[in-house]
Amino acid sequence: MTLADVARASGMSRTTASLVLSGRGDEMRIAEASQERVRLVAAELGYRPNMISAGLRSGTSRTLGFISDSVATSQLAGDMIKGALEGARRHGHMLFIGEYEGDDSERERLIEAMLDRQVDGVIMASMFTRERPVPTALANRNVVLLNTLPEGPAKNAHAILPDELDAGRRAARLLLDRGHRDIHLIGAGPTLAEVPRGTVAGRERLTGILDELADAGVSPASGRMLSIWLPTDGWKATADLIASGVRSGAILAFNDRIAFGAYQAISEAGLTVPGDFSVVSFDDHQLASWVHPGLTTFAIPHFELGLQAVETLLTSSPDAPASVERITMPLRNRGSVRTIDD
């Protein structure tokens, strides 16, 4: 069935049928009865618009590409894809999703496949916040970097990131407002020189923490830089802290997995959270609400990141200068922080 068939069967002109079926009937003041007639006939005939032809006429395919390293297979970051899917749906676009799992040749193949299909733009996403060069094939294309900062010159790449700097400040402020002054950093610190290589999130979290503490005239009580941020590493660092004679205070862990290890070390020492140690962290891992007491943490807004990536991709001019937009990380305030009475 073609548009001409629908127009003929409904007794309308081809232009009228086209306007109705493209959703512009009200805009062009076509009578509701005529619109209903066209839609009814189209449904009876089983008419479906030819999106390829429409794309050739309009210069848009109404499709987007989403290429990631390991987001699709991650429980933590999968909501970025859900957000991007919702954004695409709101704008009447389809989303093509590809994942290369660290294989650069596969990444290039996916980019070429997306461009071959004439996508209207490409989102390049990362599981962990990092710096990466914009692929050469996407130079001068409509591209958004999701959870990624551009490495080197990027004339038109827009970056969407969680606001780690703000979250670091707010984490420190939360502890200060609860009366804590003995604040121990586990994962990075105590100075900006002690950040694991390549971790943008760690660098920005630490910068925010140190800035907020400095504004309050407070220095970290201690800091332990960890090259790996897993529960075992958090357990070892916290056990070492306790073995050094520290039996109370606050622990600012650089992610939830470190915090889970800290919980274990505190318990093994016969101490409690938050009775002896307050604990604050980042990420909002699925288990953060299951540990006892629940872990107070700043969540990475994965869904909102994906949604905003699509919004930026579809609303920014292709020749607009590169930009960075940071999405606020919401606080999940649970039971791991106590208030110190004066």
C-alpha atoms as a PDB file:
ATOM      1  CA  MET A   1       0.000   0.000   0.000  1.00  0.00           C
ATOM      2  CA  THR A   2       1.264   3.456  -0.922  1.00  0.00           C
ATOM      3  CA  LEU A   3       0.355   6.942   0.206  1.00  0.00           C
ATOM      4  CA  ALA A   4      -1.420   7.427  -3.113  1.00  0.00           C
ATOM      5  CA  ASP A   5      -3.612   4.370  -2.354  1.00  0.00           C
ATOM      6  CA  VAL A   6      -4.580   5.855   1.024  1.00  0.00           C
ATOM      7  CA  ALA A   7      -5.393   9.218  -0.545  1.00  0.00           C
ATOM      8  CA  ARG A   8      -7.506   7.606  -3.271  1.00  0.00           C
ATOM      9  CA  ALA A   9      -9.434   5.335  -0.890  1.00  0.00           C
ATOM     10  CA  SER A  10     -10.131   8.159   1.579  1.00  0.00           C
ATOM     11  CA  GLY A  11     -11.159  10.641  -1.087  1.00  0.00           C
ATOM     12  CA  MET A  12      -8.433  13.090  -0.016  1.00  0.00           C
ATOM     13  CA  SER A  13      -5.532  14.646  -1.854  1.00  0.00           C
ATOM     14  CA  ARG A  14      -2.104  13.060  -1.522  1.00  0.00           C
ATOM     15  CA  THR A  15      -0.888  16.209   0.257  1.00  0.00           C
ATOM     16  CA  THR A  16      -3.705  16.033   2.816  1.00  0.00           C
ATOM     17  CA  ALA A  17      -3.087  12.335   3.469  1.00  0.00           C
ATOM     18  CA  SER A  18       0.631  12.976   3.892  1.00  0.00           C
ATOM     19  CA  LEU A  19       0.093  15.816   6.360  1.00  0.00           C
ATOM     20  CA  VAL A  20      -2.333  13.764   8.454  1.00  0.00           C
ATOM     21  CA  LEU A  21      -0.118  10.673   8.581  1.00  0.00           C
ATOM     22  CA  SER A  22       2.961  12.742   9.471  1.00  0.00           C
ATOM     23  CA  GLY A  23       1.105  14.224  12.468  1.00  0.00           C
ATOM     24  CA  ARG A  24       0.726  17.708  10.995  1.00  0.00           C
ATOM     25  CA  GLY A  25      -3.035  17.652  10.453  1.00  0.00           C
ATOM     26  CA  ASP A  26      -3.858  19.968  13.358  1.00  0.00           C
ATOM     27  CA  GLU A  27      -1.005  22.291  12.475  1.00  0.00           C
ATOM     28  CA  MET A  28      -2.362  22.671   8.925  1.00  0.00           C
ATOM     29  CA  ARG A  29      -5.945  23.007  10.224  1.00  0.00           C
ATOM     30  CA  ILE A  30      -7.288  19.936   8.481  1.00  0.00           C
ATOM     31  CA  ALA A  31     -10.754  19.065   9.748  1.00  0.00           C
ATOM     32  CA  GLU A  32     -10.773  16.385  12.451  1.00  0.00           C
ATOM     33  CA  ALA A  33     -13.316  14.326  10.479  1.00  0.00           C
ATOM     34  CA  SER A  34     -11.000  14.313   7.465  1.00  0.00           C
ATOM     35  CA  GLN A  35      -8.034  13.348   9.631  1.00  0.00           C
ATOM     36  CA  GLU A  36      -9.983  10.506  11.197  1.00  0.00           C
ATOM     37  CA  ARG A  37     -11.020   9.315   7.734  1.00  0.00           C
ATOM     38  CA  VAL A  38      -7.413   9.218   6.520  1.00  0.00           C
ATOM     39  CA  ARG A  39      -6.177   7.394   9.648  1.00  0.00           C
ATOM     40  CA  LEU A  40      -9.006   4.834   9.452  1.00  0.00           C
ATOM     41  CA  VAL A  41      -8.359   4.066   5.790  1.00  0.00           C
ATOM     42  CA  ALA A  42      -4.599   3.809   6.400  1.00  0.00           C
ATOM     43  CA  ALA A  43      -5.222   1.301   9.204  1.00  0.00           C
ATOM     44  CA  GLU A  44      -7.674  -0.733   7.068  1.00  0.00           C
ATOM     45  CA  LEU A  45      -5.237  -0.883   4.168  1.00  0.00           C
ATOM     46  CA  GLY A  46      -2.264  -1.687   6.406  1.00  0.00           C
ATOM     47  CA  TYR A  47      -0.330   1.316   5.146  1.00  0.00           C
ATOM     48  CA  ARG A  48       3.127   1.898   6.591  1.00  0.00           C
ATOM     49  CA  PRO A  49       5.253   4.917   5.653  1.00  0.00           C
ATOM     50  CA  ASN A  50       8.491   4.312   3.750  1.00  0.00           C
ATOM     51  CA  MET A  51      10.993   5.695   6.250  1.00  0.00           C
ATOM     52  CA  ILE A  52      13.903   5.362   3.811  1.00  0.00           C
ATOM     53  CA  SER A  53      12.164   7.513   1.217  1.00  0.00           C
ATOM     54  CA  ALA A  54      11.094   9.978   3.906  1.00  0.00           C
ATOM     55  CA  GLY A  55      14.673  10.163   5.095  1.00  0.00           C
ATOM     56  CA  LEU A  56      15.936  10.895   1.606  1.00  0.00           C
ATOM     57  CA  ARG A  57      13.449  13.749   1.284  1.00  0.00           C
ATOM     58  CA  SER A  58      14.121  15.214   4.736  1.00  0.00           C
ATOM     59  CA  GLY A  59      17.851  14.530   4.968  1.00  0.00           C
ATOM     60  CA  THR A  60      17.403  12.613   8.225  1.00  0.00           C
ATOM     61  CA  SER A  61      17.158   8.889   8.923  1.00  0.00           C
ATOM     62  CA  ARG A  62      15.530   9.291  12.362  1.00  0.00           C
ATOM     63  CA  THR A  63      18.070   6.806  13.696  1.00  0.00           C
ATOM     64  CA  LEU A  64      20.916   7.238  16.197  1.00  0.00           C
ATOM     65  CA  GLY A  65      23.994   5.182  16.974  1.00  0.00           C
ATOM     66  CA  PHE A  66      25.033   4.191  20.514  1.00  0.00           C
ATOM     67  CA  ILE A  67      28.503   2.623  20.721  1.00  0.00           C
ATOM     68  CA  SER A  68      30.008   1.625  24.069  1.00  0.00           C
ATOM     69  CA  ASP A  69      32.939  -0.288  25.483  1.00  0.00           C
ATOM     70  CA  SER A  70      30.972  -2.436  27.950  1.00  0.00           C
ATOM     71  CA  VAL A  71      27.882  -0.471  29.005  1.00  0.00           C
ATOM     72  CA  ALA A  72      25.344  -2.887  27.520  1.00  0.00           C
ATOM     73  CA  THR A  73      26.651  -5.829  29.524  1.00  0.00           C
ATOM     74  CA  SER A  74      27.081  -3.906  32.781  1.00  0.00           C
ATOM     75  CA  GLN A  75      24.562  -4.126  35.597  1.00  0.00           C
ATOM     76  CA  LEU A  76      25.821  -0.809  36.957  1.00  0.00           C
ATOM     77  CA  ALA A  77      25.689   1.290  33.804  1.00  0.00           C
ATOM     78  CA  GLY A  78      22.971  -0.413  31.744  1.00  0.00           C
ATOM     79  CA  ASP A  79      20.524   2.342  32.666  1.00  0.00           C
ATOM     80  CA  MET A  80      22.498   4.681  30.388  1.00  0.00           C
ATOM     81  CA  ILE A  81      21.111   2.692  27.465  1.00  0.00           C
ATOM     82  CA  LYS A  82      17.608   2.794  28.958  1.00  0.00           C
ATOM     83  CA  GLY A  83      17.868   6.579  29.213  1.00  0.00           C
ATOM     84  CA  ALA A  84      19.115   6.854  25.638  1.00  0.00           C
ATOM     85  CA  LEU A  85      16.291   4.601  24.418  1.00  0.00           C
ATOM     86  CA  GLU A  86      13.753   6.805  26.190  1.00  0.00           C
ATOM     87  CA  GLY A  87      15.278   9.940  24.684  1.00  0.00           C
ATOM     88  CA  ALA A  88      15.171   8.403  21.211  1.00  0.00           C
ATOM     89  CA  ARG A  89      11.547   7.344  21.709  1.00  0.00           C
ATOM     90  CA  ARG A  90      10.519  10.856  22.754  1.00  0.00           C
ATOM     91  CA  HIS A  91      11.967  12.251  19.545  1.00  0.00           C
ATOM     92  CA  GLY A  92      10.632   9.521  17.271  1.00  0.00           C
ATOM     93  CA  HIS A  93      14.050   7.989  16.614  1.00  0.00           C
ATOM     94  CA  MET A  94      15.344   4.436  16.657  1.00  0.00           C
ATOM     95  CA  LEU A  95      18.579   3.597  18.490  1.00  0.00           C
ATOM     96  CA  PHE A  96      21.197   1.243  17.023  1.00  0.00           C
ATOM     97  CA  ILE A  97      23.353  -0.207  19.830  1.00  0.00           C
ATOM     98  CA  GLY A  98      26.813  -1.704  19.439  1.00  0.00           C
ATOM     99  CA  GLU A  99      29.514  -2.754  21.911  1.00  0.00           C
ATOM    100  CA  TYR A 100      33.191  -3.371  21.220  1.00  0.00           C
ATOM    101  CA  GLU A 101      34.505  -4.524  24.653  1.00  0.00           C
ATOM    102  CA  GLY A 102      37.917  -2.895  24.281  1.00  0.00           C
ATOM    103  CA  ASP A 103      38.564  -4.103  20.725  1.00  0.00           C
ATOM    104  CA  ASP A 104      39.554  -0.979  18.769  1.00  0.00           C
ATOM    105  CA  SER A 105      39.096  -2.653  15.391  1.00  0.00           C
ATOM    106  CA  GLU A 106      35.546  -3.637  16.376  1.00  0.00           C
ATOM    107  CA  ARG A 107      34.900  -0.060  17.504  1.00  0.00           C
ATOM    108  CA  GLU A 108      35.941   1.244  14.089  1.00  0.00           C
ATOM    109  CA  ARG A 109      33.777  -1.364  12.362  1.00  0.00           C
ATOM    110  CA  LEU A 110      30.763  -0.332  14.439  1.00  0.00           C
ATOM    111  CA  ILE A 111      31.322   3.346  13.668  1.00  0.00           C
ATOM    112  CA  GLU A 112      31.504   2.629   9.941  1.00  0.00           C
ATOM    113  CA  ALA A 113      28.375   0.459  10.154  1.00  0.00           C
ATOM    114  CA  MET A 114      26.467   3.262  11.884  1.00  0.00           C
ATOM    115  CA  LEU A 115      27.628   5.844   9.342  1.00  0.00           C
ATOM    116  CA  ASP A 116      26.771   3.491   6.458  1.00  0.00           C
ATOM    117  CA  ARG A 117      23.215   3.454   7.803  1.00  0.00           C
ATOM    118  CA  GLN A 118      23.131   7.258   7.741  1.00  0.00           C
ATOM    119  CA  VAL A 119      22.445   7.692  11.468  1.00  0.00           C
ATOM    120  CA  ASP A 120      21.682  11.269  12.474  1.00  0.00           C
ATOM    121  CA  GLY A 121      24.323  11.181  15.205  1.00  0.00           C
ATOM    122  CA  VAL A 122      26.507   8.893  17.299  1.00  0.00           C
ATOM    123  CA  ILE A 123      26.858   8.538  21.069  1.00  0.00           C
ATOM    124  CA  MET A 124      30.234   7.156  22.183  1.00  0.00           C
ATOM    125  CA  ALA A 125      29.772   5.818  25.724  1.00  0.00           C
ATOM    126  CA  SER A 126      32.127   4.498  28.400  1.00  0.00           C
ATOM    127  CA  MET A 127      31.415   2.264  31.364  1.00  0.00           C
ATOM    128  CA  PHE A 128      33.845   4.269  33.548  1.00  0.00           C
ATOM    129  CA  THR A 129      34.462   8.006  33.248  1.00  0.00           C
ATOM    130  CA  ARG A 130      37.644   8.460  31.247  1.00  0.00           C
ATOM    131  CA  GLU A 131      39.425  10.570  28.656  1.00  0.00           C
ATOM    132  CA  ARG A 132      39.479   9.331  25.069  1.00  0.00           C
ATOM    133  CA  PRO A 133      40.261  10.848  21.670  1.00  0.00           C
ATOM    134  CA  VAL A 134      37.300  11.353  19.360  1.00  0.00           C
ATOM    135  CA  PRO A 135      37.558   8.641  16.667  1.00  0.00           C
ATOM    136  CA  THR A 136      38.832  10.030  13.377  1.00  0.00           C
ATOM    137  CA  ALA A 137      35.801   8.714  11.495  1.00  0.00           C
ATOM    138  CA  LEU A 138      33.552  10.911  13.648  1.00  0.00           C
ATOM    139  CA  ALA A 139      35.455  14.142  13.083  1.00  0.00           C
ATOM    140  CA  ASN A 140      33.034  16.829  11.897  1.00  0.00           C
ATOM    141  CA  ARG A 141      30.090  14.500  12.610  1.00  0.00           C
ATOM    142  CA  ASN A 142      27.257  14.938  15.090  1.00  0.00           C
ATOM    143  CA  VAL A 143      28.757  13.152  18.116  1.00  0.00           C
ATOM    144  CA  VAL A 144      28.246  13.114  21.883  1.00  0.00           C
ATOM    145  CA  LEU A 145      30.706  11.567  24.324  1.00  0.00           C
ATOM    146  CA  LEU A 146      28.851   9.897  27.184  1.00  0.00           C
ATOM    147  CA  ASN A 147      30.734   9.465  30.467  1.00  0.00           C
ATOM    148  CA  THR A 148      33.847  10.457  28.527  1.00  0.00           C
ATOM    149  CA  LEU A 149      35.963  13.592  28.224  1.00  0.00           C
ATOM    150  CA  PRO A 150      37.614  14.308  24.872  1.00  0.00           C
ATOM    151  CA  GLU A 151      41.350  13.749  24.844  1.00  0.00           C
ATOM    152  CA  GLY A 152      43.076  16.320  22.681  1.00  0.00           C
ATOM    153  CA  PRO A 153      41.313  18.738  20.317  1.00  0.00           C
ATOM    154  CA  ALA A 154      37.634  18.082  19.672  1.00  0.00           C
ATOM    155  CA  LYS A 155      35.971  20.842  17.687  1.00  0.00           C
ATOM    156  CA  ASN A 156      32.389  19.641  17.859  1.00  0.00           C
ATOM    157  CA  ALA A 157      32.229  16.829  20.460  1.00  0.00           C
ATOM    158  CA  HIS A 158      29.825  17.414  23.333  1.00  0.00           C
ATOM    159  CA  ALA A 159      30.559  15.513  26.560  1.00  0.00           C
ATOM    160  CA  ILE A 160      27.948  14.432  29.126  1.00  0.00           C
ATOM    161  CA  LEU A 161      29.344  13.457  32.550  1.00  0.00           C
ATOM    162  CA  PRO A 162      28.215  12.897  36.128  1.00  0.00           C
ATOM    163  CA  ASP A 163      29.165  15.915  38.245  1.00  0.00           C
ATOM    164  CA  GLU A 164      31.860  14.201  40.298  1.00  0.00           C
ATOM    165  CA  LEU A 165      33.434  17.462  41.410  1.00  0.00           C
ATOM    166  CA  ASP A 166      30.166  18.628  42.971  1.00  0.00           C
ATOM    167  CA  ALA A 167      29.553  15.195  44.516  1.00  0.00           C
ATOM    168  CA  GLY A 168      32.987  15.279  46.150  1.00  0.00           C
ATOM    169  CA  ARG A 169      32.242  18.666  47.654  1.00  0.00           C
ATOM    170  CA  ARG A 170      28.847  17.551  48.920  1.00  0.00           C
ATOM    171  CA  ALA A 171      30.269  14.345  50.414  1.00  0.00           C
ATOM    172  CA  ALA A 172      32.805  16.321  52.420  1.00  0.00           C
ATOM    173  CA  ARG A 173      30.170  18.875  53.416  1.00  0.00           C
ATOM    174  CA  LEU A 174      27.836  16.103  54.598  1.00  0.00           C
ATOM    175  CA  LEU A 175      30.480  14.845  57.027  1.00  0.00           C
ATOM    176  CA  LEU A 176      31.449  18.336  58.155  1.00  0.00           C
ATOM    177  CA  ASP A 177      27.813  19.227  58.818  1.00  0.00           C
ATOM    178  CA  ARG A 178      27.503  16.109  60.967  1.00  0.00           C
ATOM    179  CA  GLY A 179      30.389  17.322  63.132  1.00  0.00           C
ATOM    180  CA  HIS A 180      33.202  15.191  61.675  1.00  0.00           C
ATOM    181  CA  ARG A 181      36.717  16.586  61.519  1.00  0.00           C
ATOM    182  CA  ASP A 182      38.733  13.326  61.455  1.00  0.00           C
ATOM    183  CA  ILE A 183      38.016  12.297  57.861  1.00  0.00           C
ATOM    184  CA  HIS A 184      40.022   9.462  56.311  1.00  0.00           C
ATOM    185  CA  LEU A 185      40.135   9.053  52.516  1.00  0.00           C
ATOM    186  CA  ILE A 186      40.297   5.548  51.066  1.00  0.00           C
ATOM    187  CA  GLY A 187      40.870   5.181  47.326  1.00  0.00           C
ATOM    188  CA  ALA A 188      42.816   8.398  46.655  1.00  0.00           C
ATOM    189  CA  GLY A 189      44.540  11.202  48.530  1.00  0.00           C
ATOM    190  CA  PRO A 190      45.413  12.744  50.830  1.00  0.00           C
ATOM    191  CA  THR A 191      46.789  15.120  48.120  1.00  0.00           C
ATOM    192  CA  LEU A 192      45.860  15.624  44.473  1.00  0.00           C
ATOM    193  CA  ALA A 193      49.086  13.886  43.482  1.00  0.00           C
ATOM    194  CA  GLU A 194      47.754  10.584  44.843  1.00  0.00           C
ATOM    195  CA  VAL A 195      45.087   9.559  42.339  1.00  0.00           C
ATOM    196  CA  PRO A 196      45.094   6.262  40.409  1.00  0.00           C
ATOM    197  CA  ARG A 197      46.205   6.794  36.834  1.00  0.00           C
ATOM    198  CA  GLY A 198      43.435   7.311  34.309  1.00  0.00           C
ATOM    199  CA  THR A 199      40.549   7.746  36.735  1.00  0.00           C
ATOM    200  CA  VAL A 200      38.730  10.952  35.875  1.00  0.00           C
ATOM    201  CA  ALA A 201      36.088  10.237  38.527  1.00  0.00           C
ATOM    202  CA  GLY A 202      38.732   9.776  41.217  1.00  0.00           C
ATOM    203  CA  ARG A 203      40.519  12.979  40.295  1.00  0.00           C
ATOM    204  CA  GLU A 204      37.347  15.046  40.269  1.00  0.00           C
ATOM    205  CA  ARG A 205      35.936  13.496  43.457  1.00  0.00           C
ATOM    206  CA  LEU A 206      39.197  14.162  45.279  1.00  0.00           C
ATOM    207  CA  THR A 207      39.366  17.740  43.990  1.00  0.00           C
ATOM    208  CA  GLY A 208      35.860  18.438  45.272  1.00  0.00           C
ATOM    209  CA  ILE A 209      36.575  16.817  48.644  1.00  0.00           C
ATOM    210  CA  LEU A 210      39.822  18.707  49.209  1.00  0.00           C
ATOM    211  CA  ASP A 211      38.310  22.029  48.099  1.00  0.00           C
ATOM    212  CA  GLU A 212      35.391  21.681  50.521  1.00  0.00           C
ATOM    213  CA  LEU A 213      37.625  20.614  53.403  1.00  0.00           C
ATOM    214  CA  ALA A 214      40.016  23.488  52.726  1.00  0.00           C
ATOM    215  CA  ASP A 215      37.136  25.961  52.743  1.00  0.00           C
ATOM    216  CA  ALA A 216      36.291  24.682  56.238  1.00  0.00           C
ATOM    217  CA  GLY A 217      39.900  24.863  57.396  1.00  0.00           C
ATOM    218  CA  VAL A 218      40.151  21.067  57.647  1.00  0.00           C
ATOM    219  CA  SER A 219      42.762  18.690  56.210  1.00  0.00           C
ATOM    220  CA  PRO A 220      42.193  14.952  55.632  1.00  0.00           C
ATOM    221  CA  ALA A 221      43.192  12.948  58.714  1.00  0.00           C
ATOM    222  CA  SER A 222      44.766  10.398  56.353  1.00  0.00           C
ATOM    223  CA  GLY A 223      44.568   9.131  52.803  1.00  0.00           C
ATOM    224  CA  ARG A 224      45.229   5.794  51.156  1.00  0.00           C
ATOM    225  CA  MET A 225      45.533   5.655  47.401  1.00  0.00           C
ATOM    226  CA  LEU A 226      44.404   2.353  45.873  1.00  0.00           C
ATOM    227  CA  SER A 227      45.189   1.337  42.310  1.00  0.00           C
ATOM    228  CA  ILE A 228      42.177  -1.013  42.312  1.00  0.00           C
ATOM    229  CA  TRP A 229      38.827  -0.138  43.887  1.00  0.00           C
ATOM    230  CA  LEU A 230      37.405  -3.533  44.855  1.00  0.00           C
ATOM    231  CA  PRO A 231      36.055  -4.748  48.239  1.00  0.00           C
ATOM    232  CA  THR A 232      39.287  -6.587  49.048  1.00  0.00           C
ATOM    233  CA  ASP A 233      41.277  -3.399  48.553  1.00  0.00           C
ATOM    234  CA  GLY A 234      38.893  -1.429  50.759  1.00  0.00           C
ATOM    235  CA  TRP A 235      39.111  -4.130  53.428  1.00  0.00           C
ATOM    236  CA  LYS A 236      42.921  -4.106  53.438  1.00  0.00           C
ATOM    237  CA  ALA A 237      43.158  -0.306  53.560  1.00  0.00           C
ATOM    238  CA  THR A 238      40.622  -0.021  56.387  1.00  0.00           C
ATOM    239  CA  ALA A 239      42.241  -2.837  58.361  1.00  0.00           C
ATOM    240  CA  ASP A 240      45.551  -1.003  58.006  1.00  0.00           C
ATOM    241  CA  LEU A 241      43.916   2.223  59.204  1.00  0.00           C
ATOM    242  CA  ILE A 242      42.515   0.500  62.288  1.00  0.00           C
ATOM    243  CA  ALA A 243      45.812  -1.291  62.954  1.00  0.00           C
ATOM    244  CA  SER A 244      47.523   2.126  63.009  1.00  0.00           C
ATOM    245  CA  GLY A 245      45.483   2.969  66.117  1.00  0.00           C
ATOM    246  CA  VAL A 246      42.524   4.782  64.561  1.00  0.00           C
ATOM    247  CA  ARG A 247      39.351   3.491  66.223  1.00  0.00           C
ATOM    248  CA  SER A 248      36.802   6.104  65.198  1.00  0.00           C
ATOM    249  CA  GLY A 249      36.094   8.943  62.781  1.00  0.00           C
ATOM    250  CA  ALA A 250      34.732   9.116  59.252  1.00  0.00           C
ATOM    251  CA  ILE A 251      35.734   7.191  56.139  1.00  0.00           C
ATOM    252  CA  LEU A 252      35.173   8.756  52.734  1.00  0.00           C
ATOM    253  CA  ALA A 253      35.446   5.836  50.323  1.00  0.00           C
ATOM    254  CA  PHE A 254      35.934   6.567  46.629  1.00  0.00           C
ATOM    255  CA  ASN A 255      33.388   3.985  45.520  1.00  0.00           C
ATOM    256  CA  ASP A 256      30.869   1.621  47.067  1.00  0.00           C
ATOM    257  CA  ARG A 257      32.981  -1.487  46.578  1.00  0.00           C
ATOM    258  CA  ILE A 258      35.736   0.055  48.680  1.00  0.00           C
ATOM    259  CA  ALA A 259      33.075   0.923  51.254  1.00  0.00           C
ATOM    260  CA  PHE A 260      31.838  -2.687  51.371  1.00  0.00           C
ATOM    261  CA  GLY A 261      35.360  -3.801  52.217  1.00  0.00           C
ATOM    262  CA  ALA A 262      35.587  -1.075  54.857  1.00  0.00           C
ATOM    263  CA  TYR A 263      32.386  -2.369  56.470  1.00  0.00           C
ATOM    264  CA  GLN A 264      33.952  -5.820  56.740  1.00  0.00           C
ATOM    265  CA  ALA A 265      37.208  -4.583  58.289  1.00  0.00           C
ATOM    266  CA  ILE A 266      35.321  -2.437  60.798  1.00  0.00           C
ATOM    267  CA  SER A 267      33.159  -5.376  61.825  1.00  0.00           C
ATOM    268  CA  GLU A 268      36.161  -7.719  62.167  1.00  0.00           C
ATOM    269  CA  ALA A 269      37.774  -5.191  64.511  1.00  0.00           C
ATOM    270  CA  GLY A 270      34.739  -5.325  66.797  1.00  0.00           C
ATOM    271  CA  LEU A 271      33.686  -1.818  65.773  1.00  0.00           C
ATOM    272  CA  THR A 272      30.483  -0.600  64.149  1.00  0.00           C
ATOM    273  CA  VAL A 273      29.094   1.625  61.401  1.00  0.00           C
ATOM    274  CA  PRO A 274      28.112   4.328  62.229  1.00  0.00           C
ATOM    275  CA  GLY A 275      28.769   3.995  65.967  1.00  0.00           C
ATOM    276  CA  ASP A 276      32.532   4.131  65.562  1.00  0.00           C
ATOM    277  CA  PHE A 277      33.027   4.998  61.892  1.00  0.00           C
ATOM    278  CA  SER A 278      30.745   6.991  59.629  1.00  0.00           C
ATOM    279  CA  VAL A 279      31.079   5.914  55.989  1.00  0.00           C
ATOM    280  CA  VAL A 280      30.199   7.893  52.842  1.00  0.00           C
ATOM    281  CA  SER A 281      30.794   6.719  49.300  1.00  0.00           C
ATOM    282  CA  PHE A 282      29.958   7.123  45.598  1.00  0.00           C
ATOM    283  CA  ASP A 283      28.142   5.135  42.844  1.00  0.00           C
ATOM    284  CA  ASP A 284      25.008   3.708  44.578  1.00  0.00           C
ATOM    285  CA  HIS A 285      25.808   0.077  43.802  1.00  0.00           C
ATOM    286  CA  GLN A 286      22.828  -2.314  43.927  1.00  0.00           C
ATOM    287  CA  LEU A 287      24.060  -3.651  47.266  1.00  0.00           C
ATOM    288  CA  ALA A 288      24.383  -0.220  48.889  1.00  0.00           C
ATOM    289  CA  SER A 289      20.839  -0.420  50.233  1.00  0.00           C
ATOM    290  CA  TRP A 290      21.217  -4.061  51.316  1.00  0.00           C
ATOM    291  CA  VAL A 291      24.236  -3.802  53.599  1.00  0.00           C
ATOM    292  CA  HIS A 292      23.474  -3.040  57.237  1.00  0.00           C
ATOM    293  CA  PRO A 293      23.299  -0.202  57.927  1.00  0.00           C
ATOM    294  CA  GLY A 294      22.476   1.044  54.443  1.00  0.00           C
ATOM    295  CA  LEU A 295      25.366   2.883  52.799  1.00  0.00           C
ATOM    296  CA  THR A 296      25.086   6.649  52.319  1.00  0.00           C
ATOM    297  CA  THR A 297      26.333   7.266  48.804  1.00  0.00           C
ATOM    298  CA  PHE A 298      26.137   9.628  45.829  1.00  0.00           C
ATOM    299  CA  ALA A 299      24.488   7.873  42.885  1.00  0.00           C
ATOM    300  CA  ILE A 300      25.718   8.001  39.312  1.00  0.00           C
ATOM    301  CA  PRO A 301      22.602   9.111  37.392  1.00  0.00           C
ATOM    302  CA  HIS A 302      22.965   6.593  34.566  1.00  0.00           C
ATOM    303  CA  PHE A 303      19.446   6.974  33.158  1.00  0.00           C
ATOM    304  CA  GLU A 304      19.631  10.773  33.149  1.00  0.00           C
ATOM    305  CA  LEU A 305      23.065  10.651  31.490  1.00  0.00           C
ATOM    306  CA  GLY A 306      21.736   8.539  28.624  1.00  0.00           C
ATOM    307  CA  LEU A 307      18.634  10.685  28.255  1.00  0.00           C
ATOM    308  CA  GLN A 308      20.649  13.910  28.163  1.00  0.00           C
ATOM    309  CA  ALA A 309      23.087  12.451  25.629  1.00  0.00           C
ATOM    310  CA  VAL A 310      20.222  11.997  23.152  1.00  0.00           C
ATOM    311  CA  GLU A 311      18.771  15.437  23.926  1.00  0.00           C
ATOM    312  CA  THR A 312      22.157  17.047  23.301  1.00  0.00           C
ATOM    313  CA  LEU A 313      22.723  15.013  20.136  1.00  0.00           C
ATOM    314  CA  LEU A 314      19.395  16.102  18.639  1.00  0.00           C
ATOM    315  CA  THR A 315      19.288  19.721  19.786  1.00  0.00           C
ATOM    316  CA  SER A 316      22.888  20.884  19.349  1.00  0.00           C
ATOM    317  CA  SER A 317      24.034  22.322  16.063  1.00  0.00           C
ATOM    318  CA  PRO A 318      26.587  20.021  14.350  1.00  0.00           C
ATOM    319  CA  ASP A 319      29.012  22.936  14.053  1.00  0.00           C
ATOM    320  CA  ALA A 320      28.544  24.154  17.657  1.00  0.00           C
ATOM    321  CA  PRO A 321      31.809  24.330  19.649  1.00  0.00           C
ATOM    322  CA  ALA A 322      32.670  21.451  21.968  1.00  0.00           C
ATOM    323  CA  SER A 323      31.027  21.562  25.388  1.00  0.00           C
ATOM    324  CA  VAL A 324      30.920  19.633  28.669  1.00  0.00           C
ATOM    325  CA  GLU A 325      27.681  19.167  30.602  1.00  0.00           C
ATOM    326  CA  ARG A 326      27.670  17.665  34.086  1.00  0.00           C
ATOM    327  CA  ILE A 327      24.631  15.932  35.581  1.00  0.00           C
ATOM    328  CA  THR A 328      24.080  16.184  39.346  1.00  0.00           C
ATOM    329  CA  MET A 329      24.710  13.005  41.349  1.00  0.00           C
ATOM    330  CA  PRO A 330      21.803  12.544  43.805  1.00  0.00           C
ATOM    331  CA  LEU A 331      22.503  11.688  47.440  1.00  0.00           C
ATOM    332  CA  ARG A 332      21.171   8.364  48.743  1.00  0.00           C
ATOM    333  CA  ASN A 333      21.089   9.191  52.438  1.00  0.00           C
ATOM    334  CA  ARG A 334      20.969   5.967  54.416  1.00  0.00           C
ATOM    335  CA  GLY A 335      22.206   4.938  57.849  1.00  0.00           C
ATOM    336  CA  SER A 336      25.996   4.965  57.672  1.00  0.00           C
ATOM    337  CA  VAL A 337      26.642   8.488  59.003  1.00  0.00           C
ATOM    338  CA  ARG A 338      26.218   9.576  62.609  1.00  0.00           C
ATOM    339  CA  THR A 339      26.068  13.083  64.031  1.00  0.00           C
ATOM    340  CA  ILE A 340      28.807  14.032  66.485  1.00  0.00           C
ATOM    341  CA  ASP A 341      27.423  16.074  69.353  1.00  0.00           C
ATOM    342  CA  ASP A 342      29.501  19.032  70.494  1.00  0.00           C
END
